[in-house]
């Protein structure tokens, strides 16, 4: 496997770990939200965040699935954020774009690993 694929794999893994730990620190520091007090839209956004967090963990062993979960969770999060007549929130896209970037890196690594010339 080419060295660039290995480096990209580790960049994705480090990003995924950092993102996962960042969210864990927020949850531990602030406490988990009371889902009953959240609006339906906010509950859906937490669901999308949970999907992204699963993607950060699963991507360590299953890059395709991790990448799919991260990208789908990110797109779902942004889509739900824009529901209900809310204006486009560039801050949401920017804040959560590292999840999408990590997912894309996982997908690139998976594709490159499958199409790499066998090493001798």
PDB file of N, CA and C in Angstrom:
ATOM      1  N   UNK A   1       0.849  -1.173   0.000  1.00  0.00           N
ATOM      2  CA  UNK A   1       0.000   0.000   0.000  1.00  0.00           C
ATOM      3  C   UNK A   1       0.899   1.243   0.000  1.00  0.00           C
ATOM      4  N   UNK A   2       0.571   2.231  -0.830  1.00  0.00           N
ATOM      5  CA  UNK A   2       1.392   3.443  -0.892  1.00  0.00           C
ATOM      6  C   UNK A   2       1.435   4.177   0.451  1.00  0.00           C
ATOM      7  N   UNK A   3       2.560   4.830   0.678  1.00  0.00           N
ATOM      8  CA  UNK A   3       2.750   5.547   1.938  1.00  0.00           C
ATOM      9  C   UNK A   3       1.713   6.659   2.110  1.00  0.00           C
ATOM     10  N   UNK A   4       1.302   7.303   1.011  1.00  0.00           N
ATOM     11  CA  UNK A   4       0.316   8.382   1.116  1.00  0.00           C
ATOM     12  C   UNK A   4      -1.021   7.861   1.653  1.00  0.00           C
ATOM     13  N   UNK A   5      -1.364   6.629   1.298  1.00  0.00           N
ATOM     14  CA  UNK A   5      -2.611   6.040   1.809  1.00  0.00           C
ATOM     15  C   UNK A   5      -2.500   5.809   3.311  1.00  0.00           C
ATOM     16  N   UNK A   6      -1.348   5.305   3.749  1.00  0.00           N
ATOM     17  CA  UNK A   6      -1.143   5.070   5.176  1.00  0.00           C
ATOM     18  C   UNK A   6      -1.159   6.381   5.964  1.00  0.00           C
ATOM     19  N   UNK A   7      -0.526   7.406   5.425  1.00  0.00           N
ATOM     20  CA  UNK A   7      -0.508   8.705   6.099  1.00  0.00           C
ATOM     21  C   UNK A   7      -1.923   9.278   6.164  1.00  0.00           C
ATOM     22  N   UNK A   8      -2.648   9.189   5.059  1.00  0.00           N
ATOM     23  CA  UNK A   8      -4.020   9.696   5.024  1.00  0.00           C
ATOM     24  C   UNK A   8      -4.900   8.927   6.006  1.00  0.00           C
ATOM     25  N   UNK A   9      -4.699   7.623   6.096  1.00  0.00           N
ATOM     26  CA  UNK A   9      -5.461   6.806   7.054  1.00  0.00           C
ATOM     27  C   UNK A   9      -5.235   7.309   8.473  1.00  0.00           C
ATOM     28  N   UNK A  10      -3.990   7.584   8.812  1.00  0.00           N
ATOM     29  CA  UNK A  10      -3.686   8.041  10.169  1.00  0.00           C
ATOM     30  C   UNK A  10      -4.168   9.468  10.413  1.00  0.00           C
ATOM     31  N   UNK A  11      -4.155  10.291   9.406  1.00  0.00           N
ATOM     32  CA  UNK A  11      -4.732  11.638   9.561  1.00  0.00           C
ATOM     33  C   UNK A  11      -6.221  11.521   9.870  1.00  0.00           C
ATOM     34  N   UNK A  12      -6.926  10.665   9.130  1.00  0.00           N
ATOM     35  CA  UNK A  12      -8.356  10.463   9.376  1.00  0.00           C
ATOM     36  C   UNK A  12      -8.594   9.924  10.783  1.00  0.00           C
ATOM     37  N   UNK A  13      -7.782   8.977  11.211  1.00  0.00           N
ATOM     38  CA  UNK A  13      -7.950   8.385  12.543  1.00  0.00           C
ATOM     39  C   UNK A  13      -7.690   9.411  13.649  1.00  0.00           C
ATOM     40  N   UNK A  14      -6.650  10.211  13.484  1.00  0.00           N
ATOM     41  CA  UNK A  14      -6.341  11.234  14.494  1.00  0.00           C
ATOM     42  C   UNK A  14      -7.465  12.268  14.551  1.00  0.00           C
ATOM     43  N   UNK A  15      -7.934  12.729  13.391  1.00  0.00           N
ATOM     44  CA  UNK A  15      -9.058  13.665  13.358  1.00  0.00           C
ATOM     45  C   UNK A  15     -10.296  13.060  14.014  1.00  0.00           C
ATOM     46  N   UNK A  16     -10.597  11.811  13.685  1.00  0.00           N
ATOM     47  CA  UNK A  16     -11.774  11.150  14.248  1.00  0.00           C
ATOM     48  C   UNK A  16     -11.674  11.063  15.765  1.00  0.00           C
ATOM     49  N   UNK A  17     -10.511  10.693  16.253  1.00  0.00           N
ATOM     50  CA  UNK A  17     -10.317  10.582  17.696  1.00  0.00           C
ATOM     51  C   UNK A  17     -10.455  11.943  18.371  1.00  0.00           C
ATOM     52  N   UNK A  18      -9.865  12.967  17.778  1.00  0.00           N
ATOM     53  CA  UNK A  18      -9.951  14.319  18.344  1.00  0.00           C
ATOM     54  C   UNK A  18     -11.404  14.805  18.374  1.00  0.00           C
ATOM     55  N   UNK A  19     -12.144  14.575  17.302  1.00  0.00           N
ATOM     56  CA  UNK A  19     -13.545  14.993  17.257  1.00  0.00           C
ATOM     57  C   UNK A  19     -14.383  14.248  18.295  1.00  0.00           C
ATOM     58  N   UNK A  20     -14.160  12.942  18.404  1.00  0.00           N
ATOM     59  CA  UNK A  20     -14.895  12.148  19.382  1.00  0.00           C
ATOM     60  C   UNK A  20     -14.611  12.662  20.797  1.00  0.00           C
ATOM     61  N   UNK A  21     -13.331  12.867  21.100  1.00  0.00           N
ATOM     62  CA  UNK A  21     -12.964  13.323  22.442  1.00  0.00           C
ATOM     63  C   UNK A  21     -13.484  14.733  22.727  1.00  0.00           C
ATOM     64  N   UNK A  22     -13.515  15.588  21.723  1.00  0.00           N
ATOM     65  CA  UNK A  22     -14.053  16.936  21.898  1.00  0.00           C
ATOM     66  C   UNK A  22     -15.511  16.887  22.330  1.00  0.00           C
ATOM     67  N   UNK A  23     -16.298  16.073  21.658  1.00  0.00           N
ATOM     68  CA  UNK A  23     -17.718  15.956  22.010  1.00  0.00           C
ATOM     69  C   UNK A  23     -17.874  15.334  23.392  1.00  0.00           C
ATOM     70  N   UNK A  24     -17.059  14.316  23.703  1.00  0.00           N
ATOM     71  CA  UNK A  24     -17.116  13.685  25.027  1.00  0.00           C
ATOM     72  C   UNK A  24     -16.809  14.712  26.118  1.00  0.00           C
ATOM     73  N   UNK A  25     -15.805  15.553  25.901  1.00  0.00           N
ATOM     74  CA  UNK A  25     -15.459  16.583  26.888  1.00  0.00           C
ATOM     75  C   UNK A  25     -16.639  17.532  27.099  1.00  0.00           C
ATOM     76  N   UNK A  26     -17.296  17.940  26.022  1.00  0.00           N
ATOM     77  CA  UNK A  26     -18.475  18.807  26.153  1.00  0.00           C
ATOM     78  C   UNK A  26     -19.574  18.122  26.952  1.00  0.00           C
ATOM     79  N   UNK A  27     -19.858  16.870  26.647  1.00  0.00           N
ATOM     80  CA  UNK A  27     -20.943  16.151  27.327  1.00  0.00           C
ATOM     81  C   UNK A  27     -20.608  15.951  28.801  1.00  0.00           C
ATOM     82  N   UNK A  28     -19.366  15.587  29.091  1.00  0.00           N
ATOM     83  CA  UNK A  28     -18.969  15.390  30.483  1.00  0.00           C
ATOM     84  C   UNK A  28     -18.987  16.727  31.232  1.00  0.00           C
ATOM     85  N   UNK A  29     -18.496  17.771  30.605  1.00  0.00           N
ATOM     86  CA  UNK A  29     -18.433  19.082  31.253  1.00  0.00           C
ATOM     87  C   UNK A  29     -19.788  19.716  31.472  1.00  0.00           C
ATOM     88  N   UNK A  30     -20.664  19.596  30.501  1.00  0.00           N
ATOM     89  CA  UNK A  30     -21.976  20.231  30.567  1.00  0.00           C
ATOM     90  C   UNK A  30     -23.080  19.289  31.047  1.00  0.00           C
ATOM     91  N   UNK A  31     -22.811  18.017  30.974  1.00  0.00           N
ATOM     92  CA  UNK A  31     -23.849  17.033  31.281  1.00  0.00           C
ATOM     93  C   UNK A  31     -24.674  16.764  30.037  1.00  0.00           C
ATOM     94  N   UNK A  32     -25.208  15.554  29.929  1.00  0.00           N
ATOM     95  CA  UNK A  32     -26.017  15.246  28.749  1.00  0.00           C
ATOM     96  C   UNK A  32     -27.299  16.072  28.755  1.00  0.00           C
ATOM     97  N   UNK A  33     -27.774  16.428  27.579  1.00  0.00           N
ATOM     98  CA  UNK A  33     -29.005  17.239  27.523  1.00  0.00           C
ATOM     99  C   UNK A  33     -30.221  16.398  27.885  1.00  0.00           C
ATOM    100  N   UNK A  34     -31.213  17.060  28.413  1.00  0.00           N
ATOM    101  CA  UNK A  34     -32.486  16.386  28.685  1.00  0.00           C
ATOM    102  C   UNK A  34     -33.257  16.339  27.370  1.00  0.00           C
ATOM    103  N   UNK A  35     -33.334  15.161  26.789  1.00  0.00           N
ATOM    104  CA  UNK A  35     -33.974  15.031  25.476  1.00  0.00           C
ATOM    105  C   UNK A  35     -35.435  15.463  25.514  1.00  0.00           C
ATOM    106  N   UNK A  36     -36.083  15.313  26.651  1.00  0.00           N
ATOM    107  CA  UNK A  36     -37.502  15.686  26.767  1.00  0.00           C
ATOM    108  C   UNK A  36     -37.687  17.198  26.645  1.00  0.00           C
ATOM    109  N   UNK A  37     -36.685  17.973  26.968  1.00  0.00           N
ATOM    110  CA  UNK A  37     -36.797  19.427  26.909  1.00  0.00           C
ATOM    111  C   UNK A  37     -36.401  19.999  25.554  1.00  0.00           C
ATOM    112  N   UNK A  38     -35.886  19.161  24.676  1.00  0.00           N
ATOM    113  CA  UNK A  38     -35.459  19.631  23.361  1.00  0.00           C
ATOM    114  C   UNK A  38     -36.611  19.582  22.369  1.00  0.00           C
ATOM    115  N   UNK A  39     -36.553  20.459  21.382  1.00  0.00           N
ATOM    116  CA  UNK A  39     -37.539  20.410  20.310  1.00  0.00           C
ATOM    117  C   UNK A  39     -37.275  19.181  19.436  1.00  0.00           C
ATOM    118  N   UNK A  40     -38.224  18.835  18.609  1.00  0.00           N
ATOM    119  CA  UNK A  40     -38.043  17.700  17.696  1.00  0.00           C
ATOM    120  C   UNK A  40     -36.844  17.937  16.785  1.00  0.00           C
ATOM    121  N   UNK A  41     -36.698  19.159  16.315  1.00  0.00           N
ATOM    122  CA  UNK A  41     -35.568  19.491  15.447  1.00  0.00           C
ATOM    123  C   UNK A  41     -34.247  19.273  16.182  1.00  0.00           C
ATOM    124  N   UNK A  42     -34.155  19.718  17.418  1.00  0.00           N
ATOM    125  CA  UNK A  42     -32.931  19.537  18.192  1.00  0.00           C
ATOM    126  C   UNK A  42     -32.658  18.056  18.471  1.00  0.00           C
ATOM    127  N   UNK A  43     -33.700  17.289  18.720  1.00  0.00           N
ATOM    128  CA  UNK A  43     -33.529  15.848  18.928  1.00  0.00           C
ATOM    129  C   UNK A  43     -32.992  15.173  17.665  1.00  0.00           C
ATOM    130  N   UNK A  44     -33.505  15.603  16.515  1.00  0.00           N
ATOM    131  CA  UNK A  44     -33.017  15.046  15.249  1.00  0.00           C
ATOM    132  C   UNK A  44     -31.551  15.421  15.023  1.00  0.00           C
ATOM    133  N   UNK A  45     -31.178  16.628  15.411  1.00  0.00           N
ATOM    134  CA  UNK A  45     -29.784  17.052  15.260  1.00  0.00           C
ATOM    135  C   UNK A  45     -28.874  16.242  16.187  1.00  0.00           C
ATOM    136  N   UNK A  46     -29.346  15.938  17.390  1.00  0.00           N
ATOM    137  CA  UNK A  46     -28.559  15.083  18.278  1.00  0.00           C
ATOM    138  C   UNK A  46     -28.434  13.677  17.705  1.00  0.00           C
ATOM    139  N   UNK A  47     -29.483  13.202  17.054  1.00  0.00           N
ATOM    140  CA  UNK A  47     -29.408  11.900  16.393  1.00  0.00           C
ATOM    141  C   UNK A  47     -28.348  11.893  15.305  1.00  0.00           C
ATOM    142  N   UNK A  48     -28.299  12.967  14.521  1.00  0.00           N
ATOM    143  CA  UNK A  48     -27.290  13.077  13.463  1.00  0.00           C
ATOM    144  C   UNK A  48     -25.887  13.165  14.067  1.00  0.00           C
ATOM    145  N   UNK A  49     -25.753  13.876  15.188  1.00  0.00           N
ATOM    146  CA  UNK A  49     -24.453  13.948  15.862  1.00  0.00           C
ATOM    147  C   UNK A  49     -24.038  12.566  16.365  1.00  0.00           C
ATOM    148  N   UNK A  50     -24.985  11.808  16.890  1.00  0.00           N
ATOM    149  CA  UNK A  50     -24.696  10.450  17.349  1.00  0.00           C
ATOM    150  C   UNK A  50     -24.208   9.583  16.186  1.00  0.00           C
ATOM    151  N   UNK A  51     -24.827   9.729  15.015  1.00  0.00           N
ATOM    152  CA  UNK A  51     -24.394   8.985  13.822  1.00  0.00           C
ATOM    153  C   UNK A  51     -22.960   9.369  13.468  1.00  0.00           C
ATOM    154  N   UNK A  52     -22.649  10.661  13.543  1.00  0.00           N
ATOM    155  CA  UNK A  52     -21.277  11.098  13.248  1.00  0.00           C
ATOM    156  C   UNK A  52     -20.295  10.512  14.261  1.00  0.00           C
ATOM    157  N   UNK A  53     -20.676  10.490  15.537  1.00  0.00           N
ATOM    158  CA  UNK A  53     -19.788   9.921  16.554  1.00  0.00           C
ATOM    159  C   UNK A  53     -19.558   8.435  16.318  1.00  0.00           C
ATOM    160  N   UNK A  54     -20.612   7.719  15.920  1.00  0.00           N
ATOM    161  CA  UNK A  54     -20.431   6.308  15.563  1.00  0.00           C
ATOM    162  C   UNK A  54     -19.453   6.168  14.403  1.00  0.00           C
ATOM    163  N   UNK A  55     -19.571   7.046  13.426  1.00  0.00           N
ATOM    164  CA  UNK A  55     -18.673   7.014  12.276  1.00  0.00           C
ATOM    165  C   UNK A  55     -17.226   7.216  12.658  1.00  0.00           C
ATOM    166  N   UNK A  56     -16.963   8.080  13.662  1.00  0.00           N
ATOM    167  CA  UNK A  56     -15.572   8.290  14.082  1.00  0.00           C
ATOM    168  C   UNK A  56     -14.979   7.016  14.662  1.00  0.00           C
ATOM    169  N   UNK A  57     -15.792   6.249  15.361  1.00  0.00           N
ATOM    170  CA  UNK A  57     -15.299   5.006  15.976  1.00  0.00           C
ATOM    171  C   UNK A  57     -15.223   3.861  14.970  1.00  0.00           C
ATOM    172  N   UNK A  58     -16.272   3.681  14.201  1.00  0.00           N
ATOM    173  CA  UNK A  58     -16.327   2.572  13.244  1.00  0.00           C
ATOM    174  C   UNK A  58     -15.271   2.733  12.151  1.00  0.00           C
ATOM    175  N   UNK A  59     -14.967   3.973  11.788  1.00  0.00           N
ATOM    176  CA  UNK A  59     -13.986   4.231  10.740  1.00  0.00           C
ATOM    177  C   UNK A  59     -12.602   3.684  11.032  1.00  0.00           C
ATOM    178  N   UNK A  60     -12.280   3.450  12.294  1.00  0.00           N
ATOM    179  CA  UNK A  60     -10.973   2.886  12.634  1.00  0.00           C
ATOM    180  C   UNK A  60     -10.771   1.519  12.010  1.00  0.00           C
ATOM    181  N   UNK A  61     -11.835   0.731  11.938  1.00  0.00           N
ATOM    182  CA  UNK A  61     -11.724  -0.626  11.392  1.00  0.00           C
ATOM    183  C   UNK A  61     -12.433  -0.779  10.053  1.00  0.00           C
ATOM    184  N   UNK A  62     -13.497  -0.065   9.851  1.00  0.00           N
ATOM    185  CA  UNK A  62     -14.303  -0.149   8.625  1.00  0.00           C
ATOM    186  C   UNK A  62     -14.409   1.238   8.023  1.00  0.00           C
ATOM    187  N   UNK A  63     -13.417   1.577   7.204  1.00  0.00           N
ATOM    188  CA  UNK A  63     -13.332   2.947   6.701  1.00  0.00           C
ATOM    189  C   UNK A  63     -14.528   3.351   5.842  1.00  0.00           C
ATOM    190  N   UNK A  64     -15.031   2.422   5.042  1.00  0.00           N
ATOM    191  CA  UNK A  64     -16.178   2.757   4.190  1.00  0.00           C
ATOM    192  C   UNK A  64     -17.385   3.111   5.054  1.00  0.00           C
ATOM    193  N   UNK A  65     -17.693   2.248   6.016  1.00  0.00           N
ATOM    194  CA  UNK A  65     -18.855   2.497   6.883  1.00  0.00           C
ATOM    195  C   UNK A  65     -18.660   3.736   7.740  1.00  0.00           C
ATOM    196  N   UNK A  66     -17.459   3.911   8.266  1.00  0.00           N
ATOM    197  CA  UNK A  66     -17.185   5.113   9.048  1.00  0.00           C
ATOM    198  C   UNK A  66     -17.354   6.372   8.215  1.00  0.00           C
ATOM    199  N   UNK A  67     -16.825   6.343   6.988  1.00  0.00           N
ATOM    200  CA  UNK A  67     -16.955   7.489   6.102  1.00  0.00           C
ATOM    201  C   UNK A  67     -18.399   7.780   5.736  1.00  0.00           C
ATOM    202  N   UNK A  68     -19.150   6.729   5.441  1.00  0.00           N
ATOM    203  CA  UNK A  68     -20.567   6.909   5.098  1.00  0.00           C
ATOM    204  C   UNK A  68     -21.327   7.510   6.270  1.00  0.00           C
ATOM    205  N   UNK A  69     -21.101   6.981   7.476  1.00  0.00           N
ATOM    206  CA  UNK A  69     -21.802   7.495   8.657  1.00  0.00           C
ATOM    207  C   UNK A  69     -21.432   8.954   8.932  1.00  0.00           C
ATOM    208  N   UNK A  70     -20.167   9.286   8.794  1.00  0.00           N
ATOM    209  CA  UNK A  70     -19.747  10.663   9.043  1.00  0.00           C
ATOM    210  C   UNK A  70     -20.354  11.643   8.036  1.00  0.00           C
ATOM    211  N   UNK A  71     -20.276  11.309   6.769  1.00  0.00           N
ATOM    212  CA  UNK A  71     -20.812  12.211   5.738  1.00  0.00           C
ATOM    213  C   UNK A  71     -22.338  12.288   5.828  1.00  0.00           C
ATOM    214  N   UNK A  72     -22.995  11.139   5.989  1.00  0.00           N
ATOM    215  CA  UNK A  72     -24.458  11.138   6.099  1.00  0.00           C
ATOM    216  C   UNK A  72     -24.918  11.882   7.352  1.00  0.00           C
ATOM    217  N   UNK A  73     -24.220  11.679   8.467  1.00  0.00           N
ATOM    218  CA  UNK A  73     -24.574  12.389   9.695  1.00  0.00           C
ATOM    219  C   UNK A  73     -24.404  13.891   9.550  1.00  0.00           C
ATOM    220  N   UNK A  74     -23.308  14.294   8.909  1.00  0.00           N
ATOM    221  CA  UNK A  74     -23.069  15.715   8.684  1.00  0.00           C
ATOM    222  C   UNK A  74     -24.156  16.326   7.800  1.00  0.00           C
ATOM    223  N   UNK A  75     -24.454  15.668   6.679  1.00  0.00           N
ATOM    224  CA  UNK A  75     -25.489  16.192   5.781  1.00  0.00           C
ATOM    225  C   UNK A  75     -26.852  16.219   6.451  1.00  0.00           C
ATOM    226  N   UNK A  76     -27.160  15.192   7.229  1.00  0.00           N
ATOM    227  CA  UNK A  76     -28.433  15.157   7.967  1.00  0.00           C
ATOM    228  C   UNK A  76     -28.493  16.290   8.984  1.00  0.00           C
ATOM    229  N   UNK A  77     -27.397  16.483   9.708  1.00  0.00           N
ATOM    230  CA  UNK A  77     -27.345  17.545  10.708  1.00  0.00           C
ATOM    231  C   UNK A  77     -27.628  18.898  10.059  1.00  0.00           C
ATOM    232  N   UNK A  78     -26.944  19.172   8.965  1.00  0.00           N
ATOM    233  CA  UNK A  78     -27.111  20.458   8.281  1.00  0.00           C
ATOM    234  C   UNK A  78     -28.505  20.598   7.674  1.00  0.00           C
ATOM    235  N   UNK A  79     -29.026  19.512   7.120  1.00  0.00           N
ATOM    236  CA  UNK A  79     -30.366  19.550   6.549  1.00  0.00           C
ATOM    237  C   UNK A  79     -31.408  19.836   7.620  1.00  0.00           C
ATOM    238  N   UNK A  80     -31.331  19.145   8.730  1.00  0.00           N
ATOM    239  CA  UNK A  80     -32.285  19.350   9.818  1.00  0.00           C
ATOM    240  C   UNK A  80     -32.140  20.760  10.384  1.00  0.00           C
ATOM    241  N   UNK A  81     -30.921  21.259  10.462  1.00  0.00           N
ATOM    242  CA  UNK A  81     -30.700  22.620  10.970  1.00  0.00           C
ATOM    243  C   UNK A  81     -31.410  23.655  10.101  1.00  0.00           C
ATOM    244  N   UNK A  82     -31.523  23.379   8.810  1.00  0.00           N
ATOM    245  CA  UNK A  82     -32.153  24.336   7.896  1.00  0.00           C
ATOM    246  C   UNK A  82     -33.664  24.149   7.778  1.00  0.00           C
ATOM    247  N   UNK A  83     -34.215  23.133   8.433  1.00  0.00           N
ATOM    248  CA  UNK A  83     -35.658  22.920   8.386  1.00  0.00           C
ATOM    249  C   UNK A  83     -36.389  23.965   9.217  1.00  0.00           C
ATOM    250  N   UNK A  84     -37.648  24.082   8.984  1.00  0.00           N
ATOM    251  CA  UNK A  84     -38.458  24.980   9.799  1.00  0.00           C
ATOM    252  C   UNK A  84     -38.274  26.439   9.464  1.00  0.00           C
ATOM    253  N   UNK A  85     -37.832  26.740   8.243  1.00  0.00           N
ATOM    254  CA  UNK A  85     -37.723  28.122   7.814  1.00  0.00           C
ATOM    255  C   UNK A  85     -36.507  28.863   8.339  1.00  0.00           C
ATOM    256  N   UNK A  86     -35.606  28.142   8.981  1.00  0.00           N
ATOM    257  CA  UNK A  86     -34.390  28.805   9.448  1.00  0.00           C
ATOM    258  C   UNK A  86     -33.519  29.178   8.259  1.00  0.00           C
ATOM    259  N   UNK A  87     -32.874  30.298   8.375  1.00  0.00           N
ATOM    260  CA  UNK A  87     -31.954  30.739   7.326  1.00  0.00           C
ATOM    261  C   UNK A  87     -30.708  29.849   7.345  1.00  0.00           C
ATOM    262  N   UNK A  88     -30.020  29.832   6.238  1.00  0.00           N
ATOM    263  CA  UNK A  88     -28.774  29.067   6.129  1.00  0.00           C
ATOM    264  C   UNK A  88     -27.809  29.515   7.217  1.00  0.00           C
ATOM    265  N   UNK A  89     -27.271  28.574   7.944  1.00  0.00           N
ATOM    266  CA  UNK A  89     -26.355  28.858   9.045  1.00  0.00           C
ATOM    267  C   UNK A  89     -24.945  28.422   8.654  1.00  0.00           C
ATOM    268  N   UNK A  90     -24.163  29.320   8.108  1.00  0.00           N
ATOM    269  CA  UNK A  90     -22.798  28.972   7.686  1.00  0.00           C
ATOM    270  C   UNK A  90     -21.968  28.495   8.868  1.00  0.00           C
ATOM    271  N   UNK A  91     -22.236  29.024  10.057  1.00  0.00           N
ATOM    272  CA  UNK A  91     -21.489  28.617  11.235  1.00  0.00           C
ATOM    273  C   UNK A  91     -21.640  27.145  11.547  1.00  0.00           C
ATOM    274  N   UNK A  92     -22.835  26.606  11.309  1.00  0.00           N
ATOM    275  CA  UNK A  92     -23.068  25.178  11.548  1.00  0.00           C
ATOM    276  C   UNK A  92     -22.243  24.355  10.573  1.00  0.00           C
ATOM    277  N   UNK A  93     -22.260  24.744   9.316  1.00  0.00           N
ATOM    278  CA  UNK A  93     -21.485  24.016   8.309  1.00  0.00           C
ATOM    279  C   UNK A  93     -20.001  24.062   8.637  1.00  0.00           C
ATOM    280  N   UNK A  94     -19.523  25.229   9.023  1.00  0.00           N
ATOM    281  CA  UNK A  94     -18.097  25.383   9.330  1.00  0.00           C
ATOM    282  C   UNK A  94     -17.724  24.609  10.588  1.00  0.00           C
ATOM    283  N   UNK A  95     -18.548  24.711  11.620  1.00  0.00           N
ATOM    284  CA  UNK A  95     -18.250  24.048  12.889  1.00  0.00           C
ATOM    285  C   UNK A  95     -18.204  22.535  12.744  1.00  0.00           C
ATOM    286  N   UNK A  96     -19.116  21.977  11.972  1.00  0.00           N
ATOM    287  CA  UNK A  96     -19.200  20.524  11.868  1.00  0.00           C
ATOM    288  C   UNK A  96     -18.520  19.961  10.616  1.00  0.00           C
ATOM    289  N   UNK A  97     -17.923  20.818   9.800  1.00  0.00           N
ATOM    290  CA  UNK A  97     -17.249  20.338   8.592  1.00  0.00           C
ATOM    291  C   UNK A  97     -16.073  19.402   8.873  1.00  0.00           C
ATOM    292  N   UNK A  98     -15.383  19.487  10.019  1.00  0.00           N
ATOM    293  CA  UNK A  98     -14.332  18.490  10.268  1.00  0.00           C
ATOM    294  C   UNK A  98     -14.866  17.050  10.297  1.00  0.00           C
ATOM    295  N   UNK A  99     -16.126  16.857  10.688  1.00  0.00           N
ATOM    296  CA  UNK A  99     -16.721  15.516  10.633  1.00  0.00           C
ATOM    297  C   UNK A  99     -16.828  15.050   9.185  1.00  0.00           C
ATOM    298  N   UNK A 100     -17.293  15.943   8.309  1.00  0.00           N
ATOM    299  CA  UNK A 100     -17.411  15.586   6.892  1.00  0.00           C
ATOM    300  C   UNK A 100     -16.038  15.345   6.279  1.00  0.00           C
ATOM    301  N   UNK A 101     -15.066  16.185   6.618  1.00  0.00           N
ATOM    302  CA  UNK A 101     -13.704  16.006   6.105  1.00  0.00           C
ATOM    303  C   UNK A 101     -13.144  14.652   6.522  1.00  0.00           C
ATOM    304  N   UNK A 102     -13.336  14.288   7.777  1.00  0.00           N
ATOM    305  CA  UNK A 102     -12.852  12.991   8.260  1.00  0.00           C
ATOM    306  C   UNK A 102     -13.541  11.859   7.511  1.00  0.00           C
ATOM    307  N   UNK A 103     -14.843  11.984   7.293  1.00  0.00           N
ATOM    308  CA  UNK A 103     -15.565  10.966   6.537  1.00  0.00           C
ATOM    309  C   UNK A 103     -15.051  10.837   5.116  1.00  0.00           C
ATOM    310  N   UNK A 104     -14.796  11.968   4.477  1.00  0.00           N
ATOM    311  CA  UNK A 104     -14.256  11.928   3.117  1.00  0.00           C
ATOM    312  C   UNK A 104     -12.863  11.300   3.096  1.00  0.00           C
ATOM    313  N   UNK A 105     -12.047  11.595   4.091  1.00  0.00           N
ATOM    314  CA  UNK A 105     -10.720  10.974   4.164  1.00  0.00           C
ATOM    315  C   UNK A 105     -10.837   9.461   4.328  1.00  0.00           C
ATOM    316  N   UNK A 106     -11.757   9.013   5.180  1.00  0.00           N
ATOM    317  CA  UNK A 106     -11.974   7.569   5.332  1.00  0.00           C
ATOM    318  C   UNK A 106     -12.382   6.938   3.997  1.00  0.00           C
ATOM    319  N   UNK A 107     -13.271   7.591   3.267  1.00  0.00           N
ATOM    320  CA  UNK A 107     -13.732   7.049   1.984  1.00  0.00           C
ATOM    321  C   UNK A 107     -12.604   7.043   0.950  1.00  0.00           C
ATOM    322  N   UNK A 108     -11.793   8.092   0.933  1.00  0.00           N
ATOM    323  CA  UNK A 108     -10.657   8.141   0.006  1.00  0.00           C
ATOM    324  C   UNK A 108      -9.676   7.025   0.311  1.00  0.00           C
ATOM    325  N   UNK A 109      -9.395   6.814   1.593  1.00  0.00           N
ATOM    326  CA  UNK A 109      -8.464   5.753   1.993  1.00  0.00           C
ATOM    327  C   UNK A 109      -9.010   4.386   1.583  1.00  0.00           C
ATOM    328  N   UNK A 110     -10.287   4.164   1.816  1.00  0.00           N
ATOM    329  CA  UNK A 110     -10.885   2.878   1.454  1.00  0.00           C
ATOM    330  C   UNK A 110     -10.790   2.646  -0.054  1.00  0.00           C
ATOM    331  N   UNK A 111     -11.093   3.677  -0.833  1.00  0.00           N
ATOM    332  CA  UNK A 111     -11.024   3.550  -2.289  1.00  0.00           C
ATOM    333  C   UNK A 111      -9.580   3.310  -2.733  1.00  0.00           C
ATOM    334  N   UNK A 112      -8.648   4.102  -2.184  1.00  0.00           N
ATOM    335  CA  UNK A 112      -7.247   3.979  -2.590  1.00  0.00           C
ATOM    336  C   UNK A 112      -6.664   2.631  -2.192  1.00  0.00           C
ATOM    337  N   UNK A 113      -7.047   2.126  -1.037  1.00  0.00           N
ATOM    338  CA  UNK A 113      -6.540   0.824  -0.587  1.00  0.00           C
ATOM    339  C   UNK A 113      -7.017  -0.304  -1.511  1.00  0.00           C
ATOM    340  N   UNK A 114      -8.228  -0.191  -1.997  1.00  0.00           N
ATOM    341  CA  UNK A 114      -8.764  -1.208  -2.913  1.00  0.00           C
ATOM    342  C   UNK A 114      -8.130  -1.139  -4.291  1.00  0.00           C
ATOM    343  N   UNK A 115      -7.740   0.043  -4.689  1.00  0.00           N
ATOM    344  CA  UNK A 115      -7.217   0.219  -6.043  1.00  0.00           C
ATOM    345  C   UNK A 115      -5.693   0.333  -6.085  1.00  0.00           C
ATOM    346  N   UNK A 116      -5.051   0.162  -4.953  1.00  0.00           N
ATOM    347  CA  UNK A 116      -3.596   0.247  -4.931  1.00  0.00           C
ATOM    348  C   UNK A 116      -2.986  -1.004  -5.548  1.00  0.00           C
ATOM    349  N   UNK A 117      -1.878  -0.814  -6.206  1.00  0.00           N
ATOM    350  CA  UNK A 117      -1.166  -1.957  -6.785  1.00  0.00           C
ATOM    351  C   UNK A 117      -0.637  -2.816  -5.639  1.00  0.00           C
ATOM    352  N   UNK A 118      -0.706  -4.134  -5.788  1.00  0.00           N
ATOM    353  CA  UNK A 118      -0.179  -4.987  -4.726  1.00  0.00           C
ATOM    354  C   UNK A 118       1.314  -4.774  -4.536  1.00  0.00           C
ATOM    355  N   UNK A 119       1.738  -4.731  -3.273  1.00  0.00           N
ATOM    356  CA  UNK A 119       3.170  -4.544  -3.022  1.00  0.00           C
ATOM    357  C   UNK A 119       3.898  -5.870  -3.055  1.00  0.00           C
ATOM    358  N   UNK A 120       5.142  -5.792  -3.416  1.00  0.00           N
ATOM    359  CA  UNK A 120       5.942  -7.012  -3.573  1.00  0.00           C
ATOM    360  C   UNK A 120       6.842  -7.215  -2.414  1.00  0.00           C
TER     361      UNK A 120
END
